[in-house]
């Protein structure tokens, strides 16, 4: 179908090609998730569990909610102890560690991609105190939120590694 659309290039053909390509990518990802053993573990594998997957989706959609182990277990319609054990088994880390890690990843993205202040990001992620947010961010990411925010102006996204630590940039690429 994509080849036929590309060959004819009828009105709207570019949109049709784009949508078909999107569908193709989605099907490839679905196939990979169901057939690749590495996709069966961690949060990606846990998404396939009806109860834990639903909770992970809710955490992702609302990281600023005042999540507790009790509220997460309630979302899954499970007891706290059963939820905690199953979440840790499927995801590979305790639920509240996952919530904090997701918040810090979200914070890092918001600091790097928006004009929000550190305080606004902290508030949006459920932190009542900017100081508490600063401490949590530094502990999990390895740099302060202020440094991460300033990095968006002076460093490319590639210049901060996956742990949040700045990576030295050769002079030639730093001059971009």
C-alpha atoms as a PDB file:
ATOM      1  CA  UNK A   1       0.000   0.000   0.000  1.00  0.00           C
ATOM      2  CA  UNK A   2       2.805   2.422   0.835  1.00  0.00           C
ATOM      3  CA  UNK A   3       4.479   1.760  -2.505  1.00  0.00           C
ATOM      4  CA  UNK A   4       1.191   2.246  -4.379  1.00  0.00           C
ATOM      5  CA  UNK A   5       0.541   5.554  -2.600  1.00  0.00           C
ATOM      6  CA  UNK A   6       4.086   6.733  -3.275  1.00  0.00           C
ATOM      7  CA  UNK A   7       3.798   5.809  -6.943  1.00  0.00           C
ATOM      8  CA  UNK A   8       0.496   7.645  -7.520  1.00  0.00           C
ATOM      9  CA  UNK A   9       0.928  10.562  -5.122  1.00  0.00           C
ATOM     10  CA  UNK A  10      -2.775  11.377  -5.174  1.00  0.00           C
ATOM     11  CA  UNK A  11      -4.118  14.231  -3.060  1.00  0.00           C
ATOM     12  CA  UNK A  12      -3.604  13.297   0.576  1.00  0.00           C
ATOM     13  CA  UNK A  13      -1.119  10.593  -0.413  1.00  0.00           C
ATOM     14  CA  UNK A  14       1.638  11.973   1.780  1.00  0.00           C
ATOM     15  CA  UNK A  15      -0.659  11.812   4.804  1.00  0.00           C
ATOM     16  CA  UNK A  16      -1.706   8.264   3.924  1.00  0.00           C
ATOM     17  CA  UNK A  17       1.942   7.198   3.620  1.00  0.00           C
ATOM     18  CA  UNK A  18       2.765   8.790   6.977  1.00  0.00           C
ATOM     19  CA  UNK A  19      -0.147   7.043   8.713  1.00  0.00           C
ATOM     20  CA  UNK A  20       0.669   3.689   7.139  1.00  0.00           C
ATOM     21  CA  UNK A  21       4.286   4.061   8.247  1.00  0.00           C
ATOM     22  CA  UNK A  22       3.067   4.828  11.794  1.00  0.00           C
ATOM     23  CA  UNK A  23       0.950   1.673  11.754  1.00  0.00           C
ATOM     24  CA  UNK A  24       3.885  -0.368  10.461  1.00  0.00           C
ATOM     25  CA  UNK A  25       6.139   0.909  13.276  1.00  0.00           C
ATOM     26  CA  UNK A  26       3.472   0.181  15.908  1.00  0.00           C
ATOM     27  CA  UNK A  27       3.064  -3.378  14.629  1.00  0.00           C
ATOM     28  CA  UNK A  28       6.835  -3.896  14.609  1.00  0.00           C
ATOM     29  CA  UNK A  29       7.068  -2.708  18.216  1.00  0.00           C
ATOM     30  CA  UNK A  30       4.154  -4.916  19.251  1.00  0.00           C
ATOM     31  CA  UNK A  31       5.798  -7.906  17.578  1.00  0.00           C
ATOM     32  CA  UNK A  32       9.099  -7.147  19.319  1.00  0.00           C
ATOM     33  CA  UNK A  33       7.388  -6.828  22.714  1.00  0.00           C
ATOM     34  CA  UNK A  34       5.595 -10.159  22.364  1.00  0.00           C
ATOM     35  CA  UNK A  35       8.501 -12.126  20.853  1.00  0.00           C
ATOM     36  CA  UNK A  36      11.691 -10.720  22.396  1.00  0.00           C
ATOM     37  CA  UNK A  37      12.645 -12.097  25.835  1.00  0.00           C
ATOM     38  CA  UNK A  38      14.288  -8.811  26.859  1.00  0.00           C
ATOM     39  CA  UNK A  39      10.941  -7.029  26.388  1.00  0.00           C
ATOM     40  CA  UNK A  40       9.338  -9.367  28.910  1.00  0.00           C
ATOM     41  CA  UNK A  41      11.229  -7.879  31.849  1.00  0.00           C
ATOM     42  CA  UNK A  42      11.384  -4.512  33.560  1.00  0.00           C
ATOM     43  CA  UNK A  43       8.683  -1.866  33.225  1.00  0.00           C
ATOM     44  CA  UNK A  44       8.076  -2.731  29.580  1.00  0.00           C
ATOM     45  CA  UNK A  45       7.275  -6.332  30.458  1.00  0.00           C
ATOM     46  CA  UNK A  46       5.255  -5.201  33.470  1.00  0.00           C
ATOM     47  CA  UNK A  47       3.014  -3.149  31.178  1.00  0.00           C
ATOM     48  CA  UNK A  48       1.620  -6.455  29.938  1.00  0.00           C
ATOM     49  CA  UNK A  49       0.343  -7.330  33.419  1.00  0.00           C
ATOM     50  CA  UNK A  50      -3.244  -6.026  33.658  1.00  0.00           C
ATOM     51  CA  UNK A  51      -2.927  -4.672  37.200  1.00  0.00           C
ATOM     52  CA  UNK A  52       0.691  -3.500  37.319  1.00  0.00           C
ATOM     53  CA  UNK A  53       0.547  -2.186  33.752  1.00  0.00           C
ATOM     54  CA  UNK A  54      -2.453  -0.041  34.618  1.00  0.00           C
ATOM     55  CA  UNK A  55      -0.609   1.411  37.620  1.00  0.00           C
ATOM     56  CA  UNK A  56       2.511   2.174  35.568  1.00  0.00           C
ATOM     57  CA  UNK A  57       0.358   3.966  32.984  1.00  0.00           C
ATOM     58  CA  UNK A  58      -1.241   6.065  35.713  1.00  0.00           C
ATOM     59  CA  UNK A  59       2.155   6.948  37.191  1.00  0.00           C
ATOM     60  CA  UNK A  60       3.361   8.008  33.742  1.00  0.00           C
ATOM     61  CA  UNK A  61       0.252  10.119  33.091  1.00  0.00           C
ATOM     62  CA  UNK A  62       0.226  11.759  36.518  1.00  0.00           C
ATOM     63  CA  UNK A  63       3.706  11.758  38.083  1.00  0.00           C
ATOM     64  CA  UNK A  64       2.789  14.703  40.331  1.00  0.00           C
ATOM     65  CA  UNK A  65       0.063  12.851  42.186  1.00  0.00           C
ATOM     66  CA  UNK A  66       0.824  12.159  45.836  1.00  0.00           C
ATOM     67  CA  UNK A  67       1.484   8.482  45.184  1.00  0.00           C
ATOM     68  CA  UNK A  68       1.875   6.141  48.144  1.00  0.00           C
ATOM     69  CA  UNK A  69       2.231   2.399  48.206  1.00  0.00           C
ATOM     70  CA  UNK A  70      -1.338   2.265  49.482  1.00  0.00           C
ATOM     71  CA  UNK A  71      -2.732   4.434  46.661  1.00  0.00           C
ATOM     72  CA  UNK A  72      -0.817   2.453  44.026  1.00  0.00           C
ATOM     73  CA  UNK A  73      -2.097  -0.834  45.466  1.00  0.00           C
ATOM     74  CA  UNK A  74      -5.615   0.588  45.480  1.00  0.00           C
ATOM     75  CA  UNK A  75      -5.292   1.516  41.776  1.00  0.00           C
ATOM     76  CA  UNK A  76      -4.399  -2.133  41.112  1.00  0.00           C
ATOM     77  CA  UNK A  77      -7.178  -3.436  43.394  1.00  0.00           C
ATOM     78  CA  UNK A  78      -4.566  -5.365  45.377  1.00  0.00           C
ATOM     79  CA  UNK A  79      -3.379  -5.478  48.957  1.00  0.00           C
ATOM     80  CA  UNK A  80      -0.292  -3.392  49.683  1.00  0.00           C
ATOM     81  CA  UNK A  81       1.906  -6.432  50.366  1.00  0.00           C
ATOM     82  CA  UNK A  82       0.748  -8.352  47.268  1.00  0.00           C
ATOM     83  CA  UNK A  83       1.121  -5.243  45.104  1.00  0.00           C
ATOM     84  CA  UNK A  84       4.591  -4.426  46.471  1.00  0.00           C
ATOM     85  CA  UNK A  85       5.831  -7.972  45.889  1.00  0.00           C
ATOM     86  CA  UNK A  86       4.369  -8.257  42.372  1.00  0.00           C
ATOM     87  CA  UNK A  87       5.528  -4.806  41.287  1.00  0.00           C
ATOM     88  CA  UNK A  88       9.080  -5.487  42.473  1.00  0.00           C
ATOM     89  CA  UNK A  89       9.079  -8.927  40.833  1.00  0.00           C
ATOM     90  CA  UNK A  90       7.871  -7.622  37.471  1.00  0.00           C
ATOM     91  CA  UNK A  91       9.593  -4.227  37.304  1.00  0.00           C
ATOM     92  CA  UNK A  92      12.789  -5.113  39.143  1.00  0.00           C
ATOM     93  CA  UNK A  93      12.577  -2.298  41.693  1.00  0.00           C
ATOM     94  CA  UNK A  94      10.162  -1.263  44.437  1.00  0.00           C
ATOM     95  CA  UNK A  95       7.153   0.794  43.367  1.00  0.00           C
ATOM     96  CA  UNK A  96       8.107   3.974  45.229  1.00  0.00           C
ATOM     97  CA  UNK A  97      11.632   3.847  43.778  1.00  0.00           C
ATOM     98  CA  UNK A  98      10.048   3.585  40.338  1.00  0.00           C
ATOM     99  CA  UNK A  99       7.772   6.568  41.045  1.00  0.00           C
ATOM    100  CA  UNK A 100      10.754   8.669  42.139  1.00  0.00           C
ATOM    101  CA  UNK A 101      12.854   7.613  39.150  1.00  0.00           C
ATOM    102  CA  UNK A 102       9.986   8.436  36.770  1.00  0.00           C
ATOM    103  CA  UNK A 103       9.553  11.825  38.419  1.00  0.00           C
ATOM    104  CA  UNK A 104      13.252  12.585  38.058  1.00  0.00           C
ATOM    105  CA  UNK A 105      13.263  11.537  34.389  1.00  0.00           C
ATOM    106  CA  UNK A 106      10.196  13.702  33.830  1.00  0.00           C
ATOM    107  CA  UNK A 107      11.828  16.587  35.689  1.00  0.00           C
ATOM    108  CA  UNK A 108      14.975  16.304  33.620  1.00  0.00           C
ATOM    109  CA  UNK A 109      12.950  16.425  30.417  1.00  0.00           C
ATOM    110  CA  UNK A 110      10.853  19.372  31.594  1.00  0.00           C
ATOM    111  CA  UNK A 111      13.896  21.316  32.725  1.00  0.00           C
ATOM    112  CA  UNK A 112      15.604  20.711  29.399  1.00  0.00           C
ATOM    113  CA  UNK A 113      12.654  21.300  27.097  1.00  0.00           C
ATOM    114  CA  UNK A 114      10.600  24.066  28.684  1.00  0.00           C
ATOM    115  CA  UNK A 115      10.844  27.515  30.189  1.00  0.00           C
ATOM    116  CA  UNK A 116       9.446  26.307  33.509  1.00  0.00           C
ATOM    117  CA  UNK A 117      11.370  27.334  36.603  1.00  0.00           C
ATOM    118  CA  UNK A 118      12.850  24.708  38.891  1.00  0.00           C
ATOM    119  CA  UNK A 119      10.117  25.535  41.405  1.00  0.00           C
ATOM    120  CA  UNK A 120       7.371  25.063  38.818  1.00  0.00           C
ATOM    121  CA  UNK A 121       8.788  21.695  37.785  1.00  0.00           C
ATOM    122  CA  UNK A 122       9.068  20.664  41.442  1.00  0.00           C
ATOM    123  CA  UNK A 123       5.472  21.675  42.101  1.00  0.00           C
ATOM    124  CA  UNK A 124       4.208  19.906  38.961  1.00  0.00           C
ATOM    125  CA  UNK A 125       5.801  16.688  40.187  1.00  0.00           C
ATOM    126  CA  UNK A 126       4.235  16.786  43.637  1.00  0.00           C
ATOM    127  CA  UNK A 127       7.054  18.345  45.614  1.00  0.00           C
ATOM    128  CA  UNK A 128       5.825  20.885  48.145  1.00  0.00           C
ATOM    129  CA  UNK A 129       9.346  22.163  48.745  1.00  0.00           C
ATOM    130  CA  UNK A 130      11.809  23.211  46.057  1.00  0.00           C
ATOM    131  CA  UNK A 131      14.638  22.289  48.452  1.00  0.00           C
ATOM    132  CA  UNK A 132      13.317  18.712  48.799  1.00  0.00           C
ATOM    133  CA  UNK A 133      13.026  18.469  45.017  1.00  0.00           C
ATOM    134  CA  UNK A 134      16.590  19.795  44.591  1.00  0.00           C
ATOM    135  CA  UNK A 135      17.951  17.162  46.992  1.00  0.00           C
ATOM    136  CA  UNK A 136      16.012  14.322  45.323  1.00  0.00           C
ATOM    137  CA  UNK A 137      17.027  15.449  41.834  1.00  0.00           C
ATOM    138  CA  UNK A 138      20.716  15.708  42.758  1.00  0.00           C
ATOM    139  CA  UNK A 139      20.625  12.307  44.498  1.00  0.00           C
ATOM    140  CA  UNK A 140      19.009  10.565  41.506  1.00  0.00           C
ATOM    141  CA  UNK A 141      20.374  12.462  38.517  1.00  0.00           C
ATOM    142  CA  UNK A 142      23.800  13.427  39.859  1.00  0.00           C
ATOM    143  CA  UNK A 143      23.544  17.145  39.111  1.00  0.00           C
ATOM    144  CA  UNK A 144      21.374  19.902  40.532  1.00  0.00           C
ATOM    145  CA  UNK A 145      18.187  20.911  38.705  1.00  0.00           C
ATOM    146  CA  UNK A 146      19.682  24.356  38.104  1.00  0.00           C
ATOM    147  CA  UNK A 147      22.676  22.820  36.340  1.00  0.00           C
ATOM    148  CA  UNK A 148      20.353  20.630  34.257  1.00  0.00           C
ATOM    149  CA  UNK A 149      18.270  23.663  33.304  1.00  0.00           C
ATOM    150  CA  UNK A 150      21.324  25.732  32.368  1.00  0.00           C
ATOM    151  CA  UNK A 151      22.669  22.773  30.399  1.00  0.00           C
ATOM    152  CA  UNK A 152      19.777  23.059  27.953  1.00  0.00           C
ATOM    153  CA  UNK A 153      21.117  26.447  26.915  1.00  0.00           C
ATOM    154  CA  UNK A 154      24.758  25.487  26.634  1.00  0.00           C
ATOM    155  CA  UNK A 155      24.897  21.734  26.042  1.00  0.00           C
ATOM    156  CA  UNK A 156      23.212  19.421  23.598  1.00  0.00           C
ATOM    157  CA  UNK A 157      21.070  16.608  24.943  1.00  0.00           C
ATOM    158  CA  UNK A 158      23.897  14.211  24.060  1.00  0.00           C
ATOM    159  CA  UNK A 159      26.237  16.051  26.416  1.00  0.00           C
ATOM    160  CA  UNK A 160      24.456  14.687  29.486  1.00  0.00           C
ATOM    161  CA  UNK A 161      24.761  10.937  29.938  1.00  0.00           C
ATOM    162  CA  UNK A 162      21.946   8.620  31.024  1.00  0.00           C
ATOM    163  CA  UNK A 163      22.824   9.124  34.691  1.00  0.00           C
ATOM    164  CA  UNK A 164      22.501  12.881  34.277  1.00  0.00           C
ATOM    165  CA  UNK A 165      26.184  13.650  34.503  1.00  0.00           C
ATOM    166  CA  UNK A 166      27.655  16.107  31.988  1.00  0.00           C
ATOM    167  CA  UNK A 167      29.931  14.601  29.372  1.00  0.00           C
ATOM    168  CA  UNK A 168      32.907  16.579  28.113  1.00  0.00           C
ATOM    169  CA  UNK A 169      32.354  17.882  24.619  1.00  0.00           C
ATOM    170  CA  UNK A 170      35.277  18.328  22.203  1.00  0.00           C
ATOM    171  CA  UNK A 171      35.891  21.985  21.321  1.00  0.00           C
ATOM    172  CA  UNK A 172      34.741  21.558  17.722  1.00  0.00           C
ATOM    173  CA  UNK A 173      31.259  20.369  18.684  1.00  0.00           C
ATOM    174  CA  UNK A 174      30.979  22.781  21.607  1.00  0.00           C
ATOM    175  CA  UNK A 175      31.247  25.717  19.198  1.00  0.00           C
ATOM    176  CA  UNK A 176      28.036  24.789  17.340  1.00  0.00           C
END
